């Protein structure tokens, strides 16, 4: 399970924080404010992993019924968030191409 933490959780957290900082540097305030809560949430989740657990998605903890429901809800919220961001980024790219 350490592989899941190293292969998925950390790159997601780094990518989200990097894109948030790039939006801040390029002064895209709306997209920065859209990305900031998710970046903070990813860092919070990674920092709050209890000692002894293998990572954010510990297999011995996730099979608990309450954990499974909360992880599924979080996954659906992230899916909706990424879908919304995809269309916002696509609209921004098309608008930038038209204005050039």
Protein backbone atom coordinates (compact mmCIF):
# COMPACT_ATOMS: atom_id res chain seq x y z
CA UNK A 1 0.00 0.00 0.00
CA UNK A 2 2.98 2.27 0.37
CA UNK A 3 3.15 2.06 -3.41
CA UNK A 4 -0.30 3.68 -3.69
CA UNK A 5 0.81 6.55 -1.47
CA UNK A 6 4.01 7.08 -3.44
CA UNK A 7 2.52 6.41 -6.87
CA UNK A 8 -0.75 8.29 -6.58
CA UNK A 9 -1.28 10.47 -3.50
CA UNK A 10 2.04 12.34 -3.48
CA UNK A 11 2.09 13.11 -7.25
CA UNK A 12 -1.53 14.30 -7.03
CA UNK A 13 -0.64 16.57 -4.13
CA UNK A 14 2.49 17.92 -5.85
CA UNK A 15 0.66 18.47 -9.14
CA UNK A 16 -2.22 20.27 -7.48
CA UNK A 17 0.12 22.52 -5.47
CA UNK A 18 2.27 23.22 -8.54
CA UNK A 19 -0.72 24.19 -10.69
CA UNK A 20 -2.05 26.37 -7.86
CA UNK A 21 1.27 28.20 -7.56
CA UNK A 22 1.49 28.62 -11.35
CA UNK A 23 -1.95 30.22 -11.39
CA UNK A 24 -0.86 32.57 -8.61
CA UNK A 25 2.34 33.54 -10.45
CA UNK A 26 0.48 34.09 -13.73
CA UNK A 27 -2.20 36.13 -11.92
CA UNK A 28 -5.19 33.99 -12.90
CA UNK A 29 -7.04 34.76 -9.69
CA UNK A 30 -10.28 32.88 -10.32
CA UNK A 31 -8.52 29.63 -11.21
CA UNK A 32 -6.07 30.12 -8.33
CA UNK A 33 -8.98 30.47 -5.89
CA UNK A 34 -10.63 27.43 -7.46
CA UNK A 35 -7.49 25.29 -7.00
CA UNK A 36 -6.47 26.53 -3.55
CA UNK A 37 -9.03 24.62 -1.42
CA UNK A 38 -8.25 21.32 -3.15
CA UNK A 39 -4.49 21.80 -2.72
CA UNK A 40 -4.95 22.60 0.96
CA UNK A 41 -7.29 19.60 1.37
CA UNK A 42 -4.73 17.24 -0.23
CA UNK A 43 -1.96 18.52 2.06
CA UNK A 44 -4.25 18.26 5.11
CA UNK A 45 -5.23 14.67 4.28
CA UNK A 46 -1.61 13.64 3.80
CA UNK A 47 -0.50 15.36 7.04
CA UNK A 48 -3.30 13.75 9.11
CA UNK A 49 -2.43 10.11 8.33
CA UNK A 50 -2.22 8.36 11.73
CA UNK A 51 1.06 6.80 12.77
CA UNK A 52 1.07 3.11 11.88
CA UNK A 53 -1.12 3.51 8.80
CA UNK A 54 0.48 2.83 5.47
CA UNK A 55 -0.84 5.99 3.86
CA UNK A 56 -3.99 7.91 3.07
CA UNK A 57 -5.66 4.79 1.65
CA UNK A 58 -4.72 2.18 4.27
CA UNK A 59 -6.32 -1.13 3.20
CA UNK A 60 -7.00 -2.27 6.77
CA UNK A 61 -8.83 0.97 7.54
CA UNK A 62 -10.66 1.45 4.25
CA UNK A 63 -12.63 -1.79 4.57
CA UNK A 64 -14.38 -0.35 7.59
CA UNK A 65 -17.86 0.55 6.29
CA UNK A 66 -17.67 4.20 7.34
CA UNK A 67 -14.26 4.67 5.75
CA UNK A 68 -15.37 3.14 2.47
CA UNK A 69 -18.38 5.46 2.21
CA UNK A 70 -16.31 8.54 2.98
CA UNK A 71 -13.61 7.58 0.45
CA UNK A 72 -16.26 6.97 -2.22
CA UNK A 73 -17.87 10.35 -1.49
CA UNK A 74 -14.48 12.06 -1.65
CA UNK A 75 -13.70 10.33 -4.97
CA UNK A 76 -17.01 11.50 -6.47
CA UNK A 77 -16.44 15.07 -5.30
CA UNK A 78 -12.92 15.05 -6.78
CA UNK A 79 -14.29 13.64 -10.03
CA UNK A 80 -16.83 16.46 -10.26
CA UNK A 81 -14.18 19.03 -9.38
CA UNK A 82 -11.77 17.77 -12.06
CA UNK A 83 -14.57 17.67 -14.63
CA UNK A 84 -15.50 21.28 -13.83
CA UNK A 85 -11.84 22.35 -14.02
CA UNK A 86 -11.41 20.57 -17.35
CA UNK A 87 -14.18 22.62 -18.94
CA UNK A 88 -12.97 25.86 -17.35
CA UNK A 89 -9.43 25.24 -18.63
CA UNK A 90 -10.76 24.28 -22.07
CA UNK A 91 -12.85 27.46 -22.23
CA UNK A 92 -9.84 29.54 -21.15
CA UNK A 93 -7.62 27.93 -23.78
CA UNK A 94 -10.17 28.52 -26.56
CA UNK A 95 -10.67 32.11 -25.43
CA UNK A 96 -6.89 32.72 -25.44
CA UNK A 97 -6.58 31.23 -28.94
CA UNK A 98 -9.42 33.36 -30.28
CA UNK A 99 -8.00 36.56 -28.77
CA UNK A 100 -4.58 36.06 -30.38
